[in-house]
Amino acid sequence: MDIGFDRVQRILREDGDESCMAGTVVGAAWIDLQAWAMRRVDSLSRRSGGPVHLVTGERGEREALFHLRKIGYTVVAKRWTSAKLLGDIDLVGWDGPTLCFIEVKTRSGRDAMTAESAVDRDKRDMLRKMGRAYLRGFPEKLRGTVPVRFDVVSVYLLPSGVEFDVYRGAFGW
């Protein structure tokens, strides 16, 4: 499942290939351009209506996806579901060799209650079940060897711009 891109970049850097670093800068600019385009699409969709909390949540998940890609995650699934379980995993991605199940919480402001505090016991239990179901898709001999963690990304959609708090390993199995 891991495409090994990080490993290739590391080898190129060790060999002194400076073009690899330029590729990283170009990659970040490309991700920024994609995020900008999605924000433009969002502004058009807001004009057509829809429940505000759903639009906010969807926008937060998109913003988190681009932010995680920019800081090095390889996102492999969005809103992953299982036919046998209720719920979904907002994002599934690799942070280096670690498989991450990512819950995104979005707020339109910084309130007294932080966005990540909304990941309560029931939500964590559901995410653990979903994570086990996702891992059942791996070959049996790999299931126990793949490092796994649960991350929470808080997205704040503020008038001054979008802010993120990424909590790696927010909770365990």
C-alpha atoms as a PDB file:
ATOM      1  CA  MET A   1       0.000   0.000   0.000  1.00  0.00           C
ATOM      2  CA  ASP A   2       2.852   2.437   0.776  1.00  0.00           C
ATOM      3  CA  ILE A   3       4.180   3.680  -2.556  1.00  0.00           C
ATOM      4  CA  GLY A   4       7.587   4.407  -1.080  1.00  0.00           C
ATOM      5  CA  PHE A   5       7.745   8.028  -2.290  1.00  0.00           C
ATOM      6  CA  ASP A   6       9.354   9.175   0.970  1.00  0.00           C
ATOM      7  CA  ARG A   7      11.993   6.493   0.625  1.00  0.00           C
ATOM      8  CA  VAL A   8      12.810   7.563  -2.940  1.00  0.00           C
ATOM      9  CA  GLN A   9      13.096  11.213  -1.841  1.00  0.00           C
ATOM     10  CA  ARG A  10      15.381  10.244   1.054  1.00  0.00           C
ATOM     11  CA  ILE A  11      17.686   8.258  -1.261  1.00  0.00           C
ATOM     12  CA  LEU A  12      17.864  11.145  -3.738  1.00  0.00           C
ATOM     13  CA  ARG A  13      18.697  13.586  -0.941  1.00  0.00           C
ATOM     14  CA  GLU A  14      21.427  11.273   0.371  1.00  0.00           C
ATOM     15  CA  ASP A  15      22.883  11.140  -3.147  1.00  0.00           C
ATOM     16  CA  GLY A  16      22.954  14.951  -3.213  1.00  0.00           C
ATOM     17  CA  ASP A  17      20.233  15.438  -5.827  1.00  0.00           C
ATOM     18  CA  GLU A  18      19.030  19.009  -5.223  1.00  0.00           C
ATOM     19  CA  SER A  19      16.270  18.679  -7.845  1.00  0.00           C
ATOM     20  CA  CYS A  20      14.393  16.562  -5.293  1.00  0.00           C
ATOM     21  CA  MET A  21      14.135  19.589  -2.996  1.00  0.00           C
ATOM     22  CA  ALA A  22      12.867  21.725  -5.893  1.00  0.00           C
ATOM     23  CA  GLY A  23      10.248  19.056  -6.569  1.00  0.00           C
ATOM     24  CA  THR A  24       9.054  19.349  -2.976  1.00  0.00           C
ATOM     25  CA  VAL A  25       8.584  23.116  -3.368  1.00  0.00           C
ATOM     26  CA  VAL A  26       6.747  22.652  -6.675  1.00  0.00           C
ATOM     27  CA  GLY A  27       4.619  19.931  -5.042  1.00  0.00           C
ATOM     28  CA  ALA A  28       3.597  22.265  -2.216  1.00  0.00           C
ATOM     29  CA  ALA A  29       2.689  24.988  -4.726  1.00  0.00           C
ATOM     30  CA  TRP A  30       0.604  22.485  -6.688  1.00  0.00           C
ATOM     31  CA  ILE A  31      -1.259  21.447  -3.523  1.00  0.00           C
ATOM     32  CA  ASP A  32      -1.880  25.123  -2.706  1.00  0.00           C
ATOM     33  CA  LEU A  33      -3.293  25.642  -6.207  1.00  0.00           C
ATOM     34  CA  GLN A  34      -5.609  22.634  -5.820  1.00  0.00           C
ATOM     35  CA  ALA A  35      -6.806  23.904  -2.422  1.00  0.00           C
ATOM     36  CA  TRP A  36      -7.479  27.351  -3.899  1.00  0.00           C
ATOM     37  CA  ALA A  37      -9.514  25.810  -6.739  1.00  0.00           C
ATOM     38  CA  MET A  38     -11.590  23.779  -4.279  1.00  0.00           C
ATOM     39  CA  ARG A  39     -12.264  26.921  -2.217  1.00  0.00           C
ATOM     40  CA  ARG A  40     -13.575  28.602  -5.365  1.00  0.00           C
ATOM     41  CA  VAL A  41     -15.866  25.629  -6.009  1.00  0.00           C
ATOM     42  CA  ASP A  42     -17.013  25.832  -2.370  1.00  0.00           C
ATOM     43  CA  SER A  43     -17.911  29.500  -2.758  1.00  0.00           C
ATOM     44  CA  LEU A  44     -20.094  28.643  -5.749  1.00  0.00           C
ATOM     45  CA  SER A  45     -21.817  25.761  -3.935  1.00  0.00           C
ATOM     46  CA  ARG A  46     -22.607  27.951  -0.895  1.00  0.00           C
ATOM     47  CA  ARG A  47     -24.701  30.136  -3.161  1.00  0.00           C
ATOM     48  CA  SER A  48     -26.943  27.160  -3.983  1.00  0.00           C
ATOM     49  CA  GLY A  49     -27.767  26.470  -0.314  1.00  0.00           C
ATOM     50  CA  GLY A  50     -27.706  23.292   1.741  1.00  0.00           C
ATOM     51  CA  PRO A  51     -27.451  22.643   5.482  1.00  0.00           C
ATOM     52  CA  VAL A  52     -24.726  24.926   6.817  1.00  0.00           C
ATOM     53  CA  HIS A  53     -23.226  22.347   9.209  1.00  0.00           C
ATOM     54  CA  LEU A  54     -22.845  19.790   6.405  1.00  0.00           C
ATOM     55  CA  VAL A  55     -21.253  22.319   4.065  1.00  0.00           C
ATOM     56  CA  THR A  56     -18.885  23.385   6.873  1.00  0.00           C
ATOM     57  CA  GLY A  57     -17.932  19.770   7.620  1.00  0.00           C
ATOM     58  CA  GLU A  58     -17.290  18.933   3.966  1.00  0.00           C
ATOM     59  CA  ARG A  59     -15.180  22.036   3.506  1.00  0.00           C
ATOM     60  CA  GLY A  60     -13.188  21.206   6.637  1.00  0.00           C
ATOM     61  CA  GLU A  61     -12.479  17.689   5.378  1.00  0.00           C
ATOM     62  CA  ARG A  62     -11.240  19.062   2.044  1.00  0.00           C
ATOM     63  CA  GLU A  63      -9.064  21.656   3.773  1.00  0.00           C
ATOM     64  CA  ALA A  64      -7.645  18.945   6.060  1.00  0.00           C
ATOM     65  CA  LEU A  65      -6.917  16.690   3.087  1.00  0.00           C
ATOM     66  CA  PHE A  66      -4.853  19.379   1.359  1.00  0.00           C
ATOM     67  CA  HIS A  67      -3.127  20.391   4.595  1.00  0.00           C
ATOM     68  CA  LEU A  68      -2.163  16.798   5.412  1.00  0.00           C
ATOM     69  CA  ARG A  69      -0.830  16.270   1.890  1.00  0.00           C
ATOM     70  CA  LYS A  70       1.209  19.433   2.243  1.00  0.00           C
ATOM     71  CA  ILE A  71       2.831  18.253   5.498  1.00  0.00           C
ATOM     72  CA  GLY A  72       3.725  14.879   4.009  1.00  0.00           C
ATOM     73  CA  TYR A  73       0.786  12.521   4.457  1.00  0.00           C
ATOM     74  CA  THR A  74      -0.248  10.285   1.562  1.00  0.00           C
ATOM     75  CA  VAL A  75      -4.051  10.193   1.742  1.00  0.00           C
ATOM     76  CA  VAL A  76      -5.455   6.941   0.326  1.00  0.00           C
ATOM     77  CA  ALA A  77      -9.142   7.078   1.299  1.00  0.00           C
ATOM     78  CA  LYS A  78     -11.761   9.694   2.029  1.00  0.00           C
ATOM     79  CA  ARG A  79     -14.953   8.943   3.987  1.00  0.00           C
ATOM     80  CA  TRP A  80     -14.161   5.237   4.150  1.00  0.00           C
ATOM     81  CA  THR A  81     -17.116   3.063   5.141  1.00  0.00           C
ATOM     82  CA  SER A  82     -17.770  -0.585   5.841  1.00  0.00           C
ATOM     83  CA  ALA A  83     -20.901  -2.389   4.723  1.00  0.00           C
ATOM     84  CA  LYS A  84     -21.109  -4.087   8.128  1.00  0.00           C
ATOM     85  CA  LEU A  85     -20.631  -1.059  10.397  1.00  0.00           C
ATOM     86  CA  LEU A  86     -22.277   2.308  10.901  1.00  0.00           C
ATOM     87  CA  GLY A  87     -20.069   5.347  10.530  1.00  0.00           C
ATOM     88  CA  ASP A  88     -17.086   6.350   8.476  1.00  0.00           C
ATOM     89  CA  ILE A  89     -13.458   7.323   8.741  1.00  0.00           C
ATOM     90  CA  ASP A  90     -13.003  10.842   7.409  1.00  0.00           C
ATOM     91  CA  LEU A  91      -9.516  10.249   5.983  1.00  0.00           C
ATOM     92  CA  VAL A  92      -7.112   7.325   5.827  1.00  0.00           C
ATOM     93  CA  GLY A  93      -3.503   8.041   5.035  1.00  0.00           C
ATOM     94  CA  TRP A  94       0.125   7.148   5.483  1.00  0.00           C
ATOM     95  CA  ASP A  95       2.457   9.338   7.510  1.00  0.00           C
ATOM     96  CA  GLY A  96       5.704   7.702   6.479  1.00  0.00           C
ATOM     97  CA  PRO A  97       5.405   4.012   7.392  1.00  0.00           C
ATOM     98  CA  THR A  98       2.447   4.609   9.749  1.00  0.00           C
ATOM     99  CA  LEU A  99      -1.161   4.046   8.680  1.00  0.00           C
ATOM    100  CA  CYS A 100      -3.329   6.824  10.108  1.00  0.00           C
ATOM    101  CA  PHE A 101      -7.074   6.873  10.644  1.00  0.00           C
ATOM    102  CA  ILE A 102      -7.948  10.544  10.727  1.00  0.00           C
ATOM    103  CA  GLU A 103     -10.993  12.199  12.247  1.00  0.00           C
ATOM    104  CA  VAL A 104     -11.592  15.780  11.100  1.00  0.00           C
ATOM    105  CA  LYS A 105     -13.494  18.243  13.258  1.00  0.00           C
ATOM    106  CA  THR A 106     -14.363  21.627  11.770  1.00  0.00           C
ATOM    107  CA  ARG A 107     -15.458  24.818  13.457  1.00  0.00           C
ATOM    108  CA  SER A 108     -16.195  28.246  12.034  1.00  0.00           C
ATOM    109  CA  GLY A 109     -14.525  29.880  15.045  1.00  0.00           C
ATOM    110  CA  ARG A 110     -12.367  29.158  18.046  1.00  0.00           C
ATOM    111  CA  ASP A 111     -14.827  28.621  20.883  1.00  0.00           C
ATOM    112  CA  ALA A 112     -14.315  27.676  24.512  1.00  0.00           C
ATOM    113  CA  MET A 113     -14.763  24.027  23.443  1.00  0.00           C
ATOM    114  CA  THR A 114     -12.048  22.883  21.076  1.00  0.00           C
ATOM    115  CA  ALA A 115     -12.934  20.971  17.941  1.00  0.00           C
ATOM    116  CA  GLU A 116     -10.933  17.886  18.962  1.00  0.00           C
ATOM    117  CA  SER A 117     -12.867  17.618  22.244  1.00  0.00           C
ATOM    118  CA  ALA A 118     -15.884  16.541  20.154  1.00  0.00           C
ATOM    119  CA  VAL A 119     -14.147  13.175  19.590  1.00  0.00           C
ATOM    120  CA  ASP A 120     -15.769  11.559  22.595  1.00  0.00           C
ATOM    121  CA  ARG A 121     -15.641   7.963  23.862  1.00  0.00           C
ATOM    122  CA  ASP A 122     -18.400   6.733  21.515  1.00  0.00           C
ATOM    123  CA  LYS A 123     -16.684   8.313  18.505  1.00  0.00           C
ATOM    124  CA  ARG A 124     -13.320   6.804  19.476  1.00  0.00           C
ATOM    125  CA  ASP A 125     -14.934   3.349  19.892  1.00  0.00           C
ATOM    126  CA  MET A 126     -16.565   3.645  16.460  1.00  0.00           C
ATOM    127  CA  LEU A 127     -13.252   4.721  14.877  1.00  0.00           C
ATOM    128  CA  ARG A 128     -11.444   1.771  16.474  1.00  0.00           C
ATOM    129  CA  LYS A 129     -14.025  -0.655  15.046  1.00  0.00           C
ATOM    130  CA  MET A 130     -13.764   0.984  11.647  1.00  0.00           C
ATOM    131  CA  GLY A 131      -9.963   0.837  11.830  1.00  0.00           C
ATOM    132  CA  ARG A 132     -10.065  -2.911  12.542  1.00  0.00           C
ATOM    133  CA  ALA A 133     -12.460  -3.385   9.619  1.00  0.00           C
ATOM    134  CA  TYR A 134     -10.113  -1.433   7.331  1.00  0.00           C
ATOM    135  CA  LEU A 135      -7.146  -3.550   8.402  1.00  0.00           C
ATOM    136  CA  ARG A 136      -9.045  -6.748   7.560  1.00  0.00           C
ATOM    137  CA  GLY A 137      -8.478  -5.747   3.926  1.00  0.00           C
ATOM    138  CA  PHE A 138      -4.724  -6.242   4.427  1.00  0.00           C
ATOM    139  CA  PRO A 139      -3.050  -9.634   4.015  1.00  0.00           C
ATOM    140  CA  GLU A 140      -3.199 -11.406   7.379  1.00  0.00           C
ATOM    141  CA  LYS A 141       0.573 -11.503   7.889  1.00  0.00           C
ATOM    142  CA  LEU A 142       0.788  -7.698   7.488  1.00  0.00           C
ATOM    143  CA  ARG A 143      -2.044  -6.757   9.853  1.00  0.00           C
ATOM    144  CA  GLY A 144       0.046  -7.072  12.986  1.00  0.00           C
ATOM    145  CA  THR A 145       3.161  -5.459  11.544  1.00  0.00           C
ATOM    146  CA  VAL A 146       1.731  -2.230  10.108  1.00  0.00           C
ATOM    147  CA  PRO A 147       2.118   0.606  12.619  1.00  0.00           C
ATOM    148  CA  VAL A 148      -1.269   2.277  13.104  1.00  0.00           C
ATOM    149  CA  ARG A 149      -2.405   5.405  14.891  1.00  0.00           C
ATOM    150  CA  PHE A 150      -5.485   7.575  15.248  1.00  0.00           C
ATOM    151  CA  ASP A 151      -5.072  11.258  14.455  1.00  0.00           C
ATOM    152  CA  VAL A 152      -7.484  14.123  14.959  1.00  0.00           C
ATOM    153  CA  VAL A 153      -7.330  17.245  12.816  1.00  0.00           C
ATOM    154  CA  SER A 154      -9.099  20.354  14.043  1.00  0.00           C
ATOM    155  CA  VAL A 155      -9.938  22.766  11.245  1.00  0.00           C
ATOM    156  CA  TYR A 156     -10.902  26.328  12.088  1.00  0.00           C
ATOM    157  CA  LEU A 157     -12.510  28.295   9.245  1.00  0.00           C
ATOM    158  CA  LEU A 158     -11.797  31.838  10.407  1.00  0.00           C
ATOM    159  CA  PRO A 159     -12.330  35.151   8.610  1.00  0.00           C
ATOM    160  CA  SER A 160      -8.540  35.608   8.664  1.00  0.00           C
ATOM    161  CA  GLY A 161      -7.967  32.207   7.023  1.00  0.00           C
ATOM    162  CA  VAL A 162      -7.944  28.507   7.777  1.00  0.00           C
ATOM    163  CA  GLU A 163      -6.066  27.213  10.830  1.00  0.00           C
ATOM    164  CA  PHE A 164      -5.201  23.614  11.676  1.00  0.00           C
ATOM    165  CA  ASP A 165      -4.266  21.654  14.775  1.00  0.00           C
ATOM    166  CA  VAL A 166      -3.022  18.138  13.997  1.00  0.00           C
ATOM    167  CA  TYR A 167      -3.007  15.707  16.919  1.00  0.00           C
ATOM    168  CA  ARG A 168      -0.922  12.693  15.957  1.00  0.00           C
ATOM    169  CA  GLY A 169      -1.723   9.660  18.058  1.00  0.00           C
ATOM    170  CA  ALA A 170      -4.690  11.409  19.676  1.00  0.00           C
ATOM    171  CA  PHE A 171      -5.854   8.094  21.154  1.00  0.00           C
ATOM    172  CA  GLY A 172      -4.910   4.434  20.986  1.00  0.00           C
ATOM    173  CA  TRP A 173      -6.540   1.101  20.394  1.00  0.00           C
END
